[in-house]
Amino acid sequence: MIASRCNDCTDFVSQAIDYGGFTPDNVWYPQYSSWAWKGVGNLWNYLYDNYTGTVSATWSSVTVGDLAFVGFDHVGMITNINPHRFSGHTNDRWNYPMDGMGFNRYMHFWDTITKP
């Protein structure tokens, strides 16, 4: 399990992903014992390993609903492309400007998910 300095940003993003149609399983589920639900690096690894997430260090391939990461320390969900904005938690952020926030990698994975 990868340590994170995020307080509850991953839980916030996991709830948003769940609401968006991602189906919980025996690794990623809404409980404290789910390492993939609550840890930034663990969520990254889970999505990358299991859902073939497309990773980018730039904005070139991101869309609304994709995830923005600051290393394994913080995660937010992209909520607008022009201008670049995100929503997240630890410090409440809703459609907040991304400039200066330190996001350095992005993940697009929705195309690999079969929605119910």
N, C-alpha and C. Protein backbone atom coordinates (compact mmCIF):
# COMPACT_ATOMS: atom_id res chain seq x y z
N MET A 1 0.85 -1.17 0.00
CA MET A 1 0.00 0.00 0.00
C MET A 1 0.89 1.24 0.00
N ILE A 2 0.55 2.23 -0.80
CA ILE A 2 1.34 3.45 -0.92
C ILE A 2 0.80 4.50 0.03
N ALA A 3 1.68 5.11 0.81
CA ALA A 3 1.28 6.15 1.75
C ALA A 3 0.88 7.41 1.00
N SER A 4 0.03 8.21 1.61
CA SER A 4 -0.44 9.44 0.99
C SER A 4 -0.58 10.53 2.05
N ARG A 5 -0.33 11.78 1.66
CA ARG A 5 -0.55 12.90 2.57
C ARG A 5 -1.95 13.47 2.43
N CYS A 6 -2.72 12.95 1.50
CA CYS A 6 -4.09 13.41 1.28
C CYS A 6 -4.96 13.01 2.46
N ASN A 7 -5.81 13.91 2.89
CA ASN A 7 -6.68 13.64 4.02
C ASN A 7 -7.87 12.79 3.60
N ASP A 8 -8.66 13.27 2.66
CA ASP A 8 -9.79 12.46 2.17
C ASP A 8 -10.09 12.74 0.70
N CYS A 9 -9.10 13.21 -0.03
CA CYS A 9 -9.31 13.51 -1.45
C CYS A 9 -9.65 12.27 -2.25
N THR A 10 -9.04 11.14 -1.92
CA THR A 10 -9.30 9.91 -2.68
C THR A 10 -10.71 9.41 -2.42
N ASP A 11 -11.17 9.52 -1.19
CA ASP A 11 -12.54 9.13 -0.87
C ASP A 11 -13.52 9.98 -1.68
N PHE A 12 -13.27 11.28 -1.77
CA PHE A 12 -14.12 12.18 -2.54
C PHE A 12 -14.17 11.75 -4.01
N VAL A 13 -12.99 11.51 -4.60
CA VAL A 13 -12.91 11.11 -6.00
C VAL A 13 -13.55 9.73 -6.19
N SER A 14 -13.32 8.81 -5.27
CA SER A 14 -13.93 7.49 -5.37
C SER A 14 -15.45 7.59 -5.35
N GLN A 15 -16.00 8.45 -4.49
CA GLN A 15 -17.44 8.64 -4.46
C GLN A 15 -17.95 9.17 -5.80
N ALA A 16 -17.21 10.11 -6.39
CA ALA A 16 -17.61 10.67 -7.69
C ALA A 16 -17.56 9.61 -8.78
N ILE A 17 -16.51 8.79 -8.77
CA ILE A 17 -16.38 7.72 -9.76
C ILE A 17 -17.53 6.72 -9.59
N ASP A 18 -17.83 6.37 -8.36
CA ASP A 18 -18.93 5.46 -8.05
C ASP A 18 -20.25 6.04 -8.57
N TYR A 19 -20.49 7.31 -8.29
CA TYR A 19 -21.71 7.96 -8.74
C TYR A 19 -21.79 8.01 -10.27
N GLY A 20 -20.62 8.11 -10.91
CA GLY A 20 -20.56 8.17 -12.36
C GLY A 20 -20.78 6.84 -13.05
N GLY A 21 -20.89 5.75 -12.29
CA GLY A 21 -21.22 4.47 -12.90
C GLY A 21 -20.17 3.39 -12.78
N PHE A 22 -19.05 3.68 -12.14
CA PHE A 22 -18.01 2.68 -11.93
C PHE A 22 -18.51 1.70 -10.87
N THR A 23 -18.48 0.42 -11.15
CA THR A 23 -19.04 -0.58 -10.25
C THR A 23 -18.01 -1.04 -9.22
N PRO A 24 -18.33 -0.90 -7.92
CA PRO A 24 -17.42 -1.40 -6.89
C PRO A 24 -17.19 -2.90 -7.04
N ASP A 25 -16.03 -3.35 -6.59
CA ASP A 25 -15.71 -4.78 -6.60
C ASP A 25 -15.08 -5.16 -5.27
N ASN A 26 -14.40 -6.28 -5.21
CA ASN A 26 -13.85 -6.74 -3.93
C ASN A 26 -12.54 -6.04 -3.55
N VAL A 27 -12.04 -5.13 -4.39
CA VAL A 27 -10.83 -4.36 -4.07
C VAL A 27 -11.17 -2.89 -3.87
N TRP A 28 -12.00 -2.33 -4.74
CA TRP A 28 -12.40 -0.92 -4.67
C TRP A 28 -13.86 -0.86 -4.25
N TYR A 29 -14.13 -0.46 -3.01
CA TYR A 29 -15.49 -0.41 -2.48
C TYR A 29 -15.55 0.63 -1.36
N PRO A 30 -16.74 1.16 -1.06
CA PRO A 30 -16.87 2.29 -0.13
C PRO A 30 -16.79 1.92 1.34
N GLN A 31 -15.64 1.46 1.77
CA GLN A 31 -15.40 1.18 3.18
C GLN A 31 -13.96 1.51 3.52
N TYR A 32 -13.71 1.79 4.78
CA TYR A 32 -12.38 2.16 5.24
C TYR A 32 -11.35 1.09 4.93
N SER A 33 -11.76 -0.15 4.91
CA SER A 33 -10.81 -1.25 4.68
C SER A 33 -10.39 -1.39 3.22
N SER A 34 -10.99 -0.64 2.30
CA SER A 34 -10.63 -0.73 0.89
C SER A 34 -9.44 0.18 0.60
N TRP A 35 -8.27 -0.41 0.43
CA TRP A 35 -7.06 0.39 0.19
C TRP A 35 -7.16 1.17 -1.12
N ALA A 36 -7.86 0.64 -2.12
CA ALA A 36 -7.96 1.32 -3.41
C ALA A 36 -8.94 2.49 -3.36
N TRP A 37 -9.91 2.46 -2.47
CA TRP A 37 -10.91 3.52 -2.34
C TRP A 37 -10.31 4.74 -1.64
N LYS A 38 -9.38 4.54 -0.73
CA LYS A 38 -8.96 5.64 0.15
C LYS A 38 -7.54 6.14 -0.05
N GLY A 39 -6.70 5.50 -0.82
CA GLY A 39 -5.32 5.94 -0.97
C GLY A 39 -5.02 6.42 -2.38
N VAL A 40 -4.39 7.58 -2.50
CA VAL A 40 -4.12 8.18 -3.82
C VAL A 40 -3.35 7.23 -4.72
N GLY A 41 -2.18 6.79 -4.27
CA GLY A 41 -1.36 5.89 -5.09
C GLY A 41 -2.03 4.56 -5.33
N ASN A 42 -2.80 4.11 -4.37
CA ASN A 42 -3.50 2.82 -4.51
C ASN A 42 -4.63 2.92 -5.54
N LEU A 43 -5.34 4.05 -5.54
CA LEU A 43 -6.38 4.25 -6.56
C LEU A 43 -5.72 4.31 -7.94
N TRP A 44 -4.63 5.06 -8.05
CA TRP A 44 -3.90 5.14 -9.32
C TRP A 44 -3.53 3.75 -9.82
N ASN A 45 -2.88 2.96 -8.97
CA ASN A 45 -2.44 1.62 -9.36
C ASN A 45 -3.61 0.73 -9.73
N TYR A 46 -4.68 0.79 -8.96
CA TYR A 46 -5.86 -0.03 -9.22
C TYR A 46 -6.46 0.29 -10.59
N LEU A 47 -6.68 1.58 -10.87
CA LEU A 47 -7.26 1.97 -12.16
C LEU A 47 -6.32 1.66 -13.32
N TYR A 48 -5.05 1.92 -13.14
CA TYR A 48 -4.07 1.67 -14.19
C TYR A 48 -3.94 0.18 -14.49
N ASP A 49 -3.85 -0.62 -13.45
CA ASP A 49 -3.65 -2.06 -13.62
C ASP A 49 -4.90 -2.79 -14.11
N ASN A 50 -6.08 -2.34 -13.67
CA ASN A 50 -7.30 -3.08 -13.96
C ASN A 50 -8.17 -2.48 -15.07
N TYR A 51 -7.99 -1.21 -15.37
CA TYR A 51 -8.87 -0.57 -16.34
C TYR A 51 -8.10 0.15 -17.44
N THR A 52 -6.84 -0.17 -17.60
CA THR A 52 -6.02 0.33 -18.69
C THR A 52 -6.16 1.84 -18.85
N GLY A 53 -5.97 2.54 -17.75
CA GLY A 53 -6.04 3.99 -17.80
C GLY A 53 -4.99 4.58 -18.72
N THR A 54 -5.37 5.59 -19.47
CA THR A 54 -4.43 6.31 -20.32
C THR A 54 -3.79 7.40 -19.47
N VAL A 55 -2.48 7.37 -19.37
CA VAL A 55 -1.75 8.28 -18.51
C VAL A 55 -1.10 9.37 -19.35
N SER A 56 -1.14 10.60 -18.86
CA SER A 56 -0.54 11.71 -19.57
C SER A 56 0.09 12.67 -18.56
N ALA A 57 1.16 13.31 -18.96
CA ALA A 57 1.78 14.34 -18.13
C ALA A 57 1.31 15.73 -18.57
N THR A 58 0.45 15.77 -19.58
CA THR A 58 -0.05 17.04 -20.09
C THR A 58 -1.57 16.97 -20.26
N TRP A 59 -2.14 18.08 -20.66
CA TRP A 59 -3.58 18.17 -20.88
C TRP A 59 -4.01 17.57 -22.20
N SER A 60 -3.12 17.02 -22.97
CA SER A 60 -3.41 16.63 -24.35
C SER A 60 -4.57 15.66 -24.51
N SER A 61 -4.81 14.80 -23.55
CA SER A 61 -5.83 13.77 -23.75
C SER A 61 -6.91 13.74 -22.67
N VAL A 62 -6.96 14.74 -21.81
CA VAL A 62 -7.92 14.69 -20.71
C VAL A 62 -9.27 15.23 -21.11
N THR A 63 -10.30 14.74 -20.42
CA THR A 63 -11.66 15.22 -20.60
C THR A 63 -12.28 15.40 -19.22
N VAL A 64 -13.44 16.03 -19.18
CA VAL A 64 -14.16 16.18 -17.92
C VAL A 64 -14.43 14.80 -17.34
N GLY A 65 -14.17 14.62 -16.07
CA GLY A 65 -14.34 13.34 -15.40
C GLY A 65 -13.04 12.58 -15.22
N ASP A 66 -11.98 12.99 -15.92
CA ASP A 66 -10.68 12.37 -15.73
C ASP A 66 -10.08 12.81 -14.40
N LEU A 67 -9.04 12.13 -13.99
CA LEU A 67 -8.41 12.42 -12.70
C LEU A 67 -7.10 13.15 -12.90
N ALA A 68 -6.82 14.08 -11.98
CA ALA A 68 -5.56 14.83 -11.97
C ALA A 68 -4.86 14.52 -10.65
N PHE A 69 -3.57 14.18 -10.73
CA PHE A 69 -2.81 13.77 -9.56
C PHE A 69 -1.62 14.70 -9.32
N VAL A 70 -1.29 14.87 -8.04
CA VAL A 70 -0.04 15.49 -7.62
C VAL A 70 0.76 14.35 -7.00
N GLY A 71 1.60 13.72 -7.83
CA GLY A 71 2.33 12.54 -7.34
C GLY A 71 1.36 11.53 -6.77
N PHE A 72 1.72 10.97 -5.61
CA PHE A 72 0.81 10.10 -4.86
C PHE A 72 0.28 10.82 -3.63
N ASP A 73 0.29 12.17 -3.69
CA ASP A 73 -0.12 12.95 -2.53
C ASP A 73 -1.52 13.54 -2.62
N HIS A 74 -2.03 13.73 -3.83
CA HIS A 74 -3.34 14.38 -3.95
C HIS A 74 -3.97 14.00 -5.29
N VAL A 75 -5.31 13.97 -5.29
CA VAL A 75 -6.07 13.68 -6.52
C VAL A 75 -7.31 14.55 -6.55
N GLY A 76 -7.68 14.99 -7.75
CA GLY A 76 -8.91 15.72 -7.96
C GLY A 76 -9.53 15.25 -9.27
N MET A 77 -10.78 15.63 -9.49
CA MET A 77 -11.46 15.26 -10.72
C MET A 77 -11.59 16.50 -11.61
N ILE A 78 -11.23 16.35 -12.86
CA ILE A 78 -11.32 17.46 -13.80
C ILE A 78 -12.79 17.75 -14.09
N THR A 79 -13.17 19.02 -13.89
CA THR A 79 -14.57 19.41 -14.07
C THR A 79 -14.79 20.41 -15.19
N ASN A 80 -13.71 20.93 -15.75
CA ASN A 80 -13.82 21.86 -16.88
C ASN A 80 -12.48 21.88 -17.63
N ILE A 81 -12.54 22.00 -18.95
CA ILE A 81 -11.32 21.99 -19.75
C ILE A 81 -10.86 23.40 -20.11
N ASN A 82 -11.75 24.29 -20.45
CA ASN A 82 -11.34 25.63 -20.84
C ASN A 82 -12.22 26.66 -20.16
N PRO A 83 -11.80 27.22 -19.03
CA PRO A 83 -10.48 27.09 -18.42
C PRO A 83 -10.35 25.79 -17.62
N HIS A 84 -9.12 25.38 -17.35
CA HIS A 84 -8.84 24.15 -16.61
C HIS A 84 -9.30 24.30 -15.16
N ARG A 85 -10.21 23.40 -14.75
CA ARG A 85 -10.74 23.44 -13.38
C ARG A 85 -10.90 22.01 -12.86
N PHE A 86 -10.93 21.90 -11.53
CA PHE A 86 -11.11 20.60 -10.89
C PHE A 86 -11.99 20.75 -9.67
N SER A 87 -12.50 19.61 -9.21
CA SER A 87 -13.20 19.55 -7.94
C SER A 87 -12.51 18.50 -7.10
N GLY A 88 -12.46 18.74 -5.81
CA GLY A 88 -11.79 17.80 -4.92
C GLY A 88 -12.08 18.12 -3.47
N HIS A 89 -11.43 17.37 -2.60
CA HIS A 89 -11.64 17.55 -1.18
C HIS A 89 -10.34 17.37 -0.43
N THR A 90 -10.33 17.59 0.77
CA THR A 90 -9.35 17.79 1.83
C THR A 90 -9.54 19.26 2.18
N ASN A 91 -9.22 20.16 1.25
CA ASN A 91 -9.73 21.52 1.29
C ASN A 91 -10.82 21.53 0.21
N ASP A 92 -12.04 21.91 0.59
CA ASP A 92 -13.15 21.87 -0.37
C ASP A 92 -12.81 22.68 -1.62
N ARG A 93 -12.94 22.05 -2.76
CA ARG A 93 -12.71 22.71 -4.04
C ARG A 93 -13.81 22.27 -5.00
N TRP A 94 -14.54 23.24 -5.54
CA TRP A 94 -15.57 22.95 -6.52
C TRP A 94 -15.33 23.81 -7.74
N ASN A 95 -15.02 23.16 -8.86
CA ASN A 95 -14.73 23.85 -10.10
C ASN A 95 -13.67 24.92 -9.89
N TYR A 96 -12.60 24.53 -9.23
CA TYR A 96 -11.53 25.42 -8.79
C TYR A 96 -10.43 25.49 -9.85
N PRO A 97 -9.83 26.67 -10.06
CA PRO A 97 -8.75 26.79 -11.06
C PRO A 97 -7.59 25.85 -10.74
N MET A 98 -7.05 25.19 -11.76
CA MET A 98 -5.97 24.23 -11.58
C MET A 98 -4.59 24.88 -11.58
N ASP A 99 -4.50 26.10 -12.07
CA ASP A 99 -3.21 26.77 -12.12
C ASP A 99 -2.57 26.84 -10.73
N GLY A 100 -1.31 26.46 -10.66
CA GLY A 100 -0.56 26.53 -9.41
C GLY A 100 -0.86 25.45 -8.40
N MET A 101 -1.69 24.48 -8.73
CA MET A 101 -2.05 23.42 -7.78
C MET A 101 -1.05 22.26 -7.77
N GLY A 102 -0.17 22.20 -8.75
CA GLY A 102 0.87 21.17 -8.77
C GLY A 102 0.49 19.86 -9.44
N PHE A 103 -0.65 19.80 -10.09
CA PHE A 103 -1.02 18.57 -10.79
C PHE A 103 0.03 18.27 -11.86
N ASN A 104 0.51 17.03 -11.87
CA ASN A 104 1.60 16.69 -12.78
C ASN A 104 1.36 15.42 -13.58
N ARG A 105 0.23 14.80 -13.41
CA ARG A 105 -0.13 13.65 -14.25
C ARG A 105 -1.63 13.46 -14.21
N TYR A 106 -2.13 12.89 -15.27
CA TYR A 106 -3.57 12.79 -15.48
C TYR A 106 -3.92 11.38 -15.93
N MET A 107 -5.13 10.94 -15.61
CA MET A 107 -5.55 9.61 -16.01
C MET A 107 -6.94 9.65 -16.61
N HIS A 108 -7.04 9.08 -17.80
CA HIS A 108 -8.32 8.92 -18.48
C HIS A 108 -8.60 7.42 -18.52
N PHE A 109 -9.72 6.99 -17.97
CA PHE A 109 -10.01 5.56 -17.91
C PHE A 109 -11.46 5.22 -18.22
N TRP A 110 -12.31 6.21 -18.39
CA TRP A 110 -13.75 5.96 -18.54
C TRP A 110 -14.07 5.11 -19.77
N ASP A 111 -13.28 5.21 -20.82
CA ASP A 111 -13.58 4.44 -22.03
C ASP A 111 -13.46 2.93 -21.82
N THR A 112 -12.77 2.53 -20.77
CA THR A 112 -12.53 1.09 -20.53
C THR A 112 -13.56 0.50 -19.57
N ILE A 113 -14.52 1.29 -19.13
CA ILE A 113 -15.48 0.83 -18.14
C ILE A 113 -16.81 0.51 -18.81
N THR A 114 -17.36 -0.64 -18.50
CA THR A 114 -18.70 -0.99 -18.96
C THR A 114 -19.69 -0.50 -17.92
N LYS A 115 -20.51 0.46 -18.30
CA LYS A 115 -21.49 1.02 -17.37
C LYS A 115 -22.73 0.15 -17.34
N PRO A 116 -23.38 0.08 -16.18
CA PRO A 116 -24.60 -0.75 -16.07
C PRO A 116 -25.74 -0.22 -16.92
